[in-house]
PDB file of N, CA and C in Angstrom:
ATOM      1  N   MET A   1     115.185 119.879  89.328  1.00  0.00           N
ATOM      2  CA  MET A   1     114.986 118.552  89.982  1.00  0.00           C
ATOM      3  C   MET A   1     114.236 118.298  90.781  1.00  0.00           C
ATOM      4  N   GLU A   2     113.552 117.213  90.076  1.00  0.00           N
ATOM      5  CA  GLU A   2     112.584 116.268  91.031  1.00  0.00           C
ATOM      6  C   GLU A   2     113.147 114.832  91.326  1.00  0.00           C
ATOM      7  N   LEU A   3     112.790 114.346  92.482  1.00  0.00           N
ATOM      8  CA  LEU A   3     113.019 112.887  93.168  1.00  0.00           C
ATOM      9  C   LEU A   3     113.667 111.744  91.907  1.00  0.00           C
ATOM     10  N   LYS A   4     112.546 111.546  90.826  1.00  0.00           N
ATOM     11  CA  LYS A   4     112.790 111.027  89.513  1.00  0.00           C
ATOM     12  C   LYS A   4     113.866 110.927  89.024  1.00  0.00           C
ATOM     13  N   ASP A   5     114.365 112.528  89.321  1.00  0.00           N
ATOM     14  CA  ASP A   5     115.890 112.814  88.308  1.00  0.00           C
ATOM     15  C   ASP A   5     117.074 112.139  88.564  1.00  0.00           C
ATOM     16  N   THR A   6     116.703 111.770  90.165  1.00  0.00           N
ATOM     17  CA  THR A   6     117.610 111.346  90.558  1.00  0.00           C
ATOM     18  C   THR A   6     118.031 109.327  90.492  1.00  0.00           C
ATOM     19  N   ILE A   7     116.878 108.665  90.061  1.00  0.00           N
ATOM     20  CA  ILE A   7     117.038 107.496  89.957  1.00  0.00           C
ATOM     21  C   ILE A   7     118.303 106.855  89.068  1.00  0.00           C
ATOM     22  N   ASP A   8     118.840 107.000  88.205  1.00  0.00           N
ATOM     23  CA  ASP A   8     120.280 106.556  87.195  1.00  0.00           C
ATOM     24  C   ASP A   8     121.187 106.585  88.489  1.00  0.00           C
ATOM     25  N   LEU A   9     121.251 107.783  89.219  1.00  0.00           N
ATOM     26  CA  LEU A   9     122.375 108.410  90.132  1.00  0.00           C
ATOM     27  C   LEU A   9     122.470 107.386  91.275  1.00  0.00           C
ATOM     28  N   MET A  10     121.368 106.953  91.798  1.00  0.00           N
ATOM     29  CA  MET A  10     121.215 105.781  92.712  1.00  0.00           C
ATOM     30  C   MET A  10     121.366 104.421  92.398  1.00  0.00           C
ATOM     31  N   GLN A  11     121.441 104.351  91.265  1.00  0.00           N
ATOM     32  CA  GLN A  11     121.428 103.040  90.574  1.00  0.00           C
ATOM     33  C   GLN A  11     122.572 102.748  90.412  1.00  0.00           C
ATOM     34  N   SER A  12     123.664 103.829  90.032  1.00  0.00           N
ATOM     35  CA  SER A  12     125.318 103.524  89.501  1.00  0.00           C
ATOM     36  C   SER A  12     126.123 102.877  90.428  1.00  0.00           C
ATOM     37  N   ASN A  13     126.858 102.326  89.827  1.00  0.00           N
ATOM     38  CA  ASN A  13     128.037 101.645  90.644  1.00  0.00           C
ATOM     39  C   ASN A  13     128.751 102.466  91.234  1.00  0.00           C
ATOM     40  N   ASP A  14     129.181 103.865  90.952  1.00  0.00           N
ATOM     41  CA  ASP A  14     129.813 104.639  91.105  1.00  0.00           C
ATOM     42  C   ASP A  14     129.314 105.271  92.698  1.00  0.00           C
ATOM     43  N   PHE A  15     130.295 105.349  93.503  1.00  0.00           N
ATOM     44  CA  PHE A  15     129.890 105.921  94.793  1.00  0.00           C
ATOM     45  C   PHE A  15     129.333 107.066  95.032  1.00  0.00           C
ATOM     46  N   LYS A  16     130.454 108.110  94.087  1.00  0.00           N
ATOM     47  CA  LYS A  16     130.248 109.167  94.431  1.00  0.00           C
ATOM     48  C   LYS A  16     129.077 109.748  93.155  1.00  0.00           C
ATOM     49  N   GLU A  17     128.442 108.822  92.344  1.00  0.00           N
ATOM     50  CA  GLU A  17     126.712 109.066  91.498  1.00  0.00           C
ATOM     51  C   GLU A  17     125.823 109.091  92.827  1.00  0.00           C
ATOM     52  N   ARG A  18     126.296 108.057  93.604  1.00  0.00           N
ATOM     53  CA  ARG A  18     125.124 107.553  95.211  1.00  0.00           C
ATOM     54  C   ARG A  18     125.014 108.831  95.734  1.00  0.00           C
ATOM     55  N   PHE A  19     126.326 109.613  95.966  1.00  0.00           N
ATOM     56  CA  PHE A  19     126.089 110.330  97.017  1.00  0.00           C
ATOM     57  C   PHE A  19     125.487 111.775  96.332  1.00  0.00           C
ATOM     58  N   LYS A  20     125.935 111.926  95.090  1.00  0.00           N
ATOM     59  CA  LYS A  20     124.938 112.782  94.430  1.00  0.00           C
ATOM     60  C   LYS A  20     123.343 113.076  94.128  1.00  0.00           C
ATOM     61  N   ALA A  21     123.468 111.507  94.520  1.00  0.00           N
ATOM     62  CA  ALA A  21     121.635 111.404  94.358  1.00  0.00           C
ATOM     63  C   ALA A  21     121.301 111.633  95.673  1.00  0.00           C
ATOM     64  N   GLU A  22     122.224 110.916  97.079  1.00  0.00           N
ATOM     65  CA  GLU A  22     121.789 110.961  98.317  1.00  0.00           C
ATOM     66  C   GLU A  22     121.392 112.859  98.693  1.00  0.00           C
ATOM     67  N   TYR A  23     122.851 113.586  97.936  1.00  0.00           N
ATOM     68  CA  TYR A  23     122.268 115.030  98.365  1.00  0.00           C
ATOM     69  C   TYR A  23     121.621 115.733  98.032  1.00  0.00           C
ATOM     70  N   PHE A  24     121.042 115.414  95.898  1.00  0.00           N
ATOM     71  CA  PHE A  24     119.987 115.730  95.589  1.00  0.00           C
ATOM     72  C   PHE A  24     118.265 115.626  96.297  1.00  0.00           C
ATOM     73  N   GLN A  25     118.480 114.611  96.595  1.00  0.00           N
ATOM     74  CA  GLN A  25     117.386 113.964  97.175  1.00  0.00           C
ATOM     75  C   GLN A  25     117.004 114.407  98.316  1.00  0.00           C
ATOM     76  N   LEU A  26     117.913 114.778  99.271  1.00  0.00           N
ATOM     77  CA  LEU A  26     117.632 115.344 100.723  1.00  0.00           C
ATOM     78  C   LEU A  26     117.705 117.126 100.459  1.00  0.00           C
ATOM     79  N   LYS A  27     118.221 117.594  99.345  1.00  0.00           N
ATOM     80  CA  LYS A  27     117.622 119.298  98.903  1.00  0.00           C
ATOM     81  C   LYS A  27     116.660 119.133  98.177  1.00  0.00           C
ATOM     82  N   ILE A  28     115.798 118.196  97.459  1.00  0.00           N
ATOM     83  CA  ILE A  28     114.737 118.534  97.452  1.00  0.00           C
ATOM     84  C   ILE A  28     113.992 118.469  98.557  1.00  0.00           C
ATOM     85  N   ARG A  29     113.929 117.185  99.141  1.00  0.00           N
ATOM     86  CA  ARG A  29     112.758 117.103 100.487  1.00  0.00           C
ATOM     87  C   ARG A  29     113.158 118.577 101.244  1.00  0.00           C
ATOM     88  N   MET A  30     114.043 118.677 101.723  1.00  0.00           N
ATOM     89  CA  MET A  30     114.317 120.072 102.211  1.00  0.00           C
ATOM     90  C   MET A  30     113.825 121.428 101.825  1.00  0.00           C
ATOM     91  N   THR A  31     113.521 121.225 100.607  1.00  0.00           N
ATOM     92  CA  THR A  31     112.466 122.551  99.874  1.00  0.00           C
ATOM     93  C   THR A  31     111.300 122.279  99.671  1.00  0.00           C
ATOM     94  N   GLY A  32     110.733 121.059  99.794  1.00  0.00           N
ATOM     95  CA  GLY A  32     109.356 121.051 100.591  1.00  0.00           C
ATOM     96  C   GLY A  32     108.728 120.540 101.725  1.00  0.00           C
ATOM     97  N   LEU A  33     109.487 120.562 102.657  1.00  0.00           N
ATOM     98  CA  LEU A  33     109.794 121.038 103.932  1.00  0.00           C
ATOM     99  C   LEU A  33     109.147 122.093 103.936  1.00  0.00           C
ATOM    100  N   LYS A  34     110.333 122.642 103.552  1.00  0.00           N
ATOM    101  CA  LYS A  34     110.574 124.293 103.899  1.00  0.00           C
ATOM    102  C   LYS A  34     109.037 125.222 103.564  1.00  0.00           C
ATOM    103  N   ASN A  35     108.788 124.765 102.375  1.00  0.00           N
ATOM    104  CA  ASN A  35     107.450 125.300 101.744  1.00  0.00           C
ATOM    105  C   ASN A  35     106.287 124.715 102.663  1.00  0.00           C
ATOM    106  N   MET A  36     105.964 123.990 103.085  1.00  0.00           N
ATOM    107  CA  MET A  36     105.703 123.398 104.012  1.00  0.00           C
ATOM    108  C   MET A  36     105.304 123.923 105.272  1.00  0.00           C
ATOM    109  N   LEU A  37     106.224 124.395 105.856  1.00  0.00           N
ATOM    110  CA  LEU A  37     106.607 125.178 106.642  1.00  0.00           C
ATOM    111  C   LEU A  37     106.363 126.627 106.891  1.00  0.00           C
ATOM    112  N   ASP A  38     106.312 127.144 105.836  1.00  0.00           N
ATOM    113  CA  ASP A  38     105.975 128.492 105.392  1.00  0.00           C
ATOM    114  C   ASP A  38     104.692 127.922 105.686  1.00  0.00           C
ATOM    115  N   LYS A  39     103.747 127.460 104.559  1.00  0.00           N
ATOM    116  CA  LYS A  39     102.162 127.443 104.795  1.00  0.00           C
ATOM    117  C   LYS A  39     102.023 127.264 105.738  1.00  0.00           C
ATOM    118  N   TYR A  40     102.194 126.291 106.487  1.00  0.00           N
ATOM    119  CA  TYR A  40     101.829 125.852 108.212  1.00  0.00           C
ATOM    120  C   TYR A  40     101.872 127.273 108.792  1.00  0.00           C
ATOM    121  N   LYS A  41     103.016 128.188 108.797  1.00  0.00           N
ATOM    122  CA  LYS A  41     102.949 129.385 109.661  1.00  0.00           C
ATOM    123  C   LYS A  41     101.732 130.129 109.006  1.00  0.00           C
ATOM    124  N   LYS A  42     101.525 130.390 108.060  1.00  0.00           N
ATOM    125  CA  LYS A  42     100.351 131.308 108.087  1.00  0.00           C
ATOM    126  C   LYS A  42      98.971 131.165 107.735  1.00  0.00           C
ATOM    127  N   ASN A  43      99.195 129.081 108.277  1.00  0.00           N
ATOM    128  CA  ASN A  43      97.758 129.063 107.981  1.00  0.00           C
ATOM    129  C   ASN A  43      97.307 128.494 106.705  1.00  0.00           C
ATOM    130  N   GLU A  44      97.816 128.763 105.858  1.00  0.00           N
ATOM    131  CA  GLU A  44      97.684 128.333 104.126  1.00  0.00           C
ATOM    132  C   GLU A  44      97.641 126.683 104.007  1.00  0.00           C
ATOM    133  N   LEU A  45      97.635 125.382 104.705  1.00  0.00           N
ATOM    134  CA  LEU A  45      97.914 124.522 103.959  1.00  0.00           C
ATOM    135  C   LEU A  45      96.348 124.060 103.662  1.00  0.00           C
ATOM    136  N   ASP A  46      96.269 123.289 102.921  1.00  0.00           N
ATOM    137  CA  ASP A  46      95.138 122.275 102.414  1.00  0.00           C
ATOM    138  C   ASP A  46      94.843 121.564 103.007  1.00  0.00           C
ATOM    139  N   PHE A  47      95.605 121.244 104.010  1.00  0.00           N
ATOM    140  CA  PHE A  47      95.088 120.057 105.039  1.00  0.00           C
ATOM    141  C   PHE A  47      95.278 120.663 106.652  1.00  0.00           C
ATOM    142  N   VAL A  48      94.977 119.452 107.477  1.00  0.00           N
ATOM    143  CA  VAL A  48      95.269 119.299 109.244  1.00  0.00           C
ATOM    144  C   VAL A  48      96.344 118.473 109.459  1.00  0.00           C
ATOM    145  N   PRO A  49      97.579 119.083 109.262  1.00  0.00           N
ATOM    146  CA  PRO A  49      98.813 118.226 109.292  1.00  0.00           C
ATOM    147  C   PRO A  49      98.534 117.310 111.026  1.00  0.00           C
ATOM    148  N   ASN A  50      99.337 116.341 111.068  1.00  0.00           N
ATOM    149  CA  ASN A  50      99.561 115.597 112.521  1.00  0.00           C
ATOM    150  C   ASN A  50      99.921 115.591 113.270  1.00  0.00           C
ATOM    151  N   CYS A  51     101.545 116.426 112.701  1.00  0.00           N
ATOM    152  CA  CYS A  51     102.586 116.360 113.641  1.00  0.00           C
ATOM    153  C   CYS A  51     102.488 118.319 113.840  1.00  0.00           C
ATOM    154  N   SER A  52     103.027 118.722 114.966  1.00  0.00           N
ATOM    155  CA  SER A  52     103.108 120.444 115.638  1.00  0.00           C
ATOM    156  C   SER A  52     103.628 120.919 114.506  1.00  0.00           C
ATOM    157  N   TYR A  53     103.766 122.113 114.572  1.00  0.00           N
ATOM    158  CA  TYR A  53     105.248 122.826 113.807  1.00  0.00           C
ATOM    159  C   TYR A  53     106.333 123.148 114.072  1.00  0.00           C
ATOM    160  N   ASP A  54     106.341 122.723 115.599  1.00  0.00           N
ATOM    161  CA  ASP A  54     107.759 122.461 116.072  1.00  0.00           C
ATOM    162  C   ASP A  54     108.393 121.101 115.980  1.00  0.00           C
ATOM    163  N   LEU A  55     108.024 120.191 115.532  1.00  0.00           N
ATOM    164  CA  LEU A  55     108.269 118.920 115.430  1.00  0.00           C
ATOM    165  C   LEU A  55     109.276 118.828 114.168  1.00  0.00           C
ATOM    166  N   LEU A  56     108.217 119.264 112.968  1.00  0.00           N
ATOM    167  CA  LEU A  56     108.606 119.365 111.513  1.00  0.00           C
ATOM    168  C   LEU A  56     109.404 120.503 110.934  1.00  0.00           C
ATOM    169  N   ASN A  57     109.682 121.814 112.110  1.00  0.00           N
ATOM    170  CA  ASN A  57     110.930 122.190 111.991  1.00  0.00           C
ATOM    171  C   ASN A  57     112.015 121.584 112.686  1.00  0.00           C
ATOM    172  N   ALA A  58     111.810 120.920 113.457  1.00  0.00           N
ATOM    173  CA  ALA A  58     113.489 120.362 114.323  1.00  0.00           C
ATOM    174  C   ALA A  58     113.742 118.982 113.324  1.00  0.00           C
ATOM    175  N   GLN A  59     112.609 118.812 112.513  1.00  0.00           N
ATOM    176  CA  GLN A  59     113.238 117.300 111.222  1.00  0.00           C
ATOM    177  C   GLN A  59     113.589 118.702 110.219  1.00  0.00           C
ATOM    178  N   PHE A  60     113.523 120.024 109.767  1.00  0.00           N
ATOM    179  CA  PHE A  60     114.330 120.575 108.677  1.00  0.00           C
ATOM    180  C   PHE A  60     115.315 120.817 109.475  1.00  0.00           C
ATOM    181  N   LYS A  61     115.498 121.352 110.322  1.00  0.00           N
ATOM    182  CA  LYS A  61     116.589 121.855 111.204  1.00  0.00           C
ATOM    183  C   LYS A  61     117.694 120.538 111.041  1.00  0.00           C
ATOM    184  N   ALA A  62     117.696 119.450 111.252  1.00  0.00           N
ATOM    185  CA  ALA A  62     118.093 117.886 111.375  1.00  0.00           C
ATOM    186  C   ALA A  62     118.282 117.886 110.170  1.00  0.00           C
ATOM    187  N   MET A  63     117.927 117.870 109.286  1.00  0.00           N
ATOM    188  CA  MET A  63     118.427 117.270 107.405  1.00  0.00           C
ATOM    189  C   MET A  63     119.068 119.014 107.395  1.00  0.00           C
ATOM    190  N   GLY A  64     119.308 119.895 107.638  1.00  0.00           N
ATOM    191  CA  GLY A  64     120.057 120.907 107.240  1.00  0.00           C
ATOM    192  C   GLY A  64     121.478 120.662 107.953  1.00  0.00           C
ATOM    193  N   LEU A  65     121.026 120.065 109.144  1.00  0.00           N
ATOM    194  CA  LEU A  65     122.975 119.588 109.689  1.00  0.00           C
ATOM    195  C   LEU A  65     123.252 118.535 108.808  1.00  0.00           C
ATOM    196  N   TYR A  66     122.732 117.575 108.744  1.00  0.00           N
ATOM    197  CA  TYR A  66     122.608 116.379 107.738  1.00  0.00           C
ATOM    198  C   TYR A  66     123.284 116.887 106.503  1.00  0.00           C
ATOM    199  N   CYS A  67     123.111 117.983 105.834  1.00  0.00           N
ATOM    200  CA  CYS A  67     123.483 118.329 104.576  1.00  0.00           C
ATOM    201  C   CYS A  67     124.544 118.822 104.229  1.00  0.00           C
ATOM    202  N   SER A  68     124.597 119.823 105.753  1.00  0.00           N
ATOM    203  CA  SER A  68     126.202 120.463 105.859  1.00  0.00           C
ATOM    204  C   SER A  68     126.994 119.409 105.887  1.00  0.00           C
ATOM    205  N   TYR A  69     127.089 118.248 106.644  1.00  0.00           N
ATOM    206  CA  TYR A  69     127.641 116.966 106.633  1.00  0.00           C
ATOM    207  C   TYR A  69     128.173 116.449 104.890  1.00  0.00           C
ATOM    208  N   LEU A  70     127.237 116.194 104.711  1.00  0.00           N
ATOM    209  CA  LEU A  70     127.167 116.145 103.344  1.00  0.00           C
ATOM    210  C   LEU A  70     128.043 116.676 101.889  1.00  0.00           C
ATOM    211  N   GLU A  71     127.592 118.048 102.524  1.00  0.00           N
ATOM    212  CA  GLU A  71     128.844 119.246 101.819  1.00  0.00           C
ATOM    213  C   GLU A  71     130.062 119.161 101.716  1.00  0.00           C
ATOM    214  N   GLU A  72     130.695 119.048 103.459  1.00  0.00           N
ATOM    215  CA  GLU A  72     131.577 118.858 104.041  1.00  0.00           C
ATOM    216  C   GLU A  72     132.732 117.549 103.332  1.00  0.00           C
ATOM    217  N   ARG A  73     131.683 116.709 103.324  1.00  0.00           N
ATOM    218  CA  ARG A  73     131.935 115.390 103.234  1.00  0.00           C
ATOM    219  C   ARG A  73     132.721 115.641 101.280  1.00  0.00           C
ATOM    220  N   ALA A  74     131.848 116.125 100.655  1.00  0.00           N
ATOM    221  CA  ALA A  74     131.733 116.299  99.340  1.00  0.00           C
ATOM    222  C   ALA A  74     133.118 116.781  98.903  1.00  0.00           C
ATOM    223  N   GLN A  75     133.414 118.276  99.796  1.00  0.00           N
ATOM    224  CA  GLN A  75     134.326 118.694  99.576  1.00  0.00           C
ATOM    225  C   GLN A  75     135.607 118.311  99.646  1.00  0.00           C
ATOM    226  N   ILE A  76     135.971 117.362 101.254  1.00  0.00           N
ATOM    227  CA  ILE A  76     136.763 116.176 101.300  1.00  0.00           C
ATOM    228  C   ILE A  76     136.919 115.147 100.020  1.00  0.00           C
ATOM    229  N   GLU A  77     136.004 114.281  99.679  1.00  0.00           N
ATOM    230  CA  GLU A  77     136.250 113.630  98.134  1.00  0.00           C
ATOM    231  C   GLU A  77     136.637 113.862  97.330  1.00  0.00           C
ATOM    232  N   ASN A  78     136.173 115.085  97.376  1.00  0.00           N
ATOM    233  CA  ASN A  78     136.167 115.863  95.264  1.00  0.00           C
ATOM    234  C   ASN A  78     135.120 115.692  94.798  1.00  0.00           C
ATOM    235  N   ILE A  79     133.713 115.465  95.402  1.00  0.00           N
ATOM    236  CA  ILE A  79     132.412 115.434  94.610  1.00  0.00           C
ATOM    237  C   ILE A  79     132.564 116.789  94.415  1.00  0.00           C
ATOM    238  N   GLU A  80     131.614 117.156  92.740  1.00  0.00           N
ATOM    239  CA  GLU A  80     131.386 118.042  92.922  1.00  0.00           C
ATOM    240  C   GLU A  80     129.945 118.010  92.849  1.00  0.00           C
ATOM    241  N   LEU A  81     129.128 118.575  93.467  1.00  0.00           N
ATOM    242  CA  LEU A  81     127.515 118.930  93.473  1.00  0.00           C
ATOM    243  C   LEU A  81     127.257 120.045  93.308  1.00  0.00           C
TER     244      LEU A  81
END
């Protein structure tokens, strides 16, 4: 799944569909950031980042925490992810 695949969900009138879109977008972004962090650590990036590894890793951890909140909320609200 790519970000563009979540457009219809984001535009839905159903909050559960919008919730799914938010979750899927977060997971997509987390995957991209994790891939970047892996390459950063191995000095395999094809660009020089302005941000430190530590800052980007902290962002990834915060995203993971937010993801866990969304997963817990989905369980409570019976939203199948």
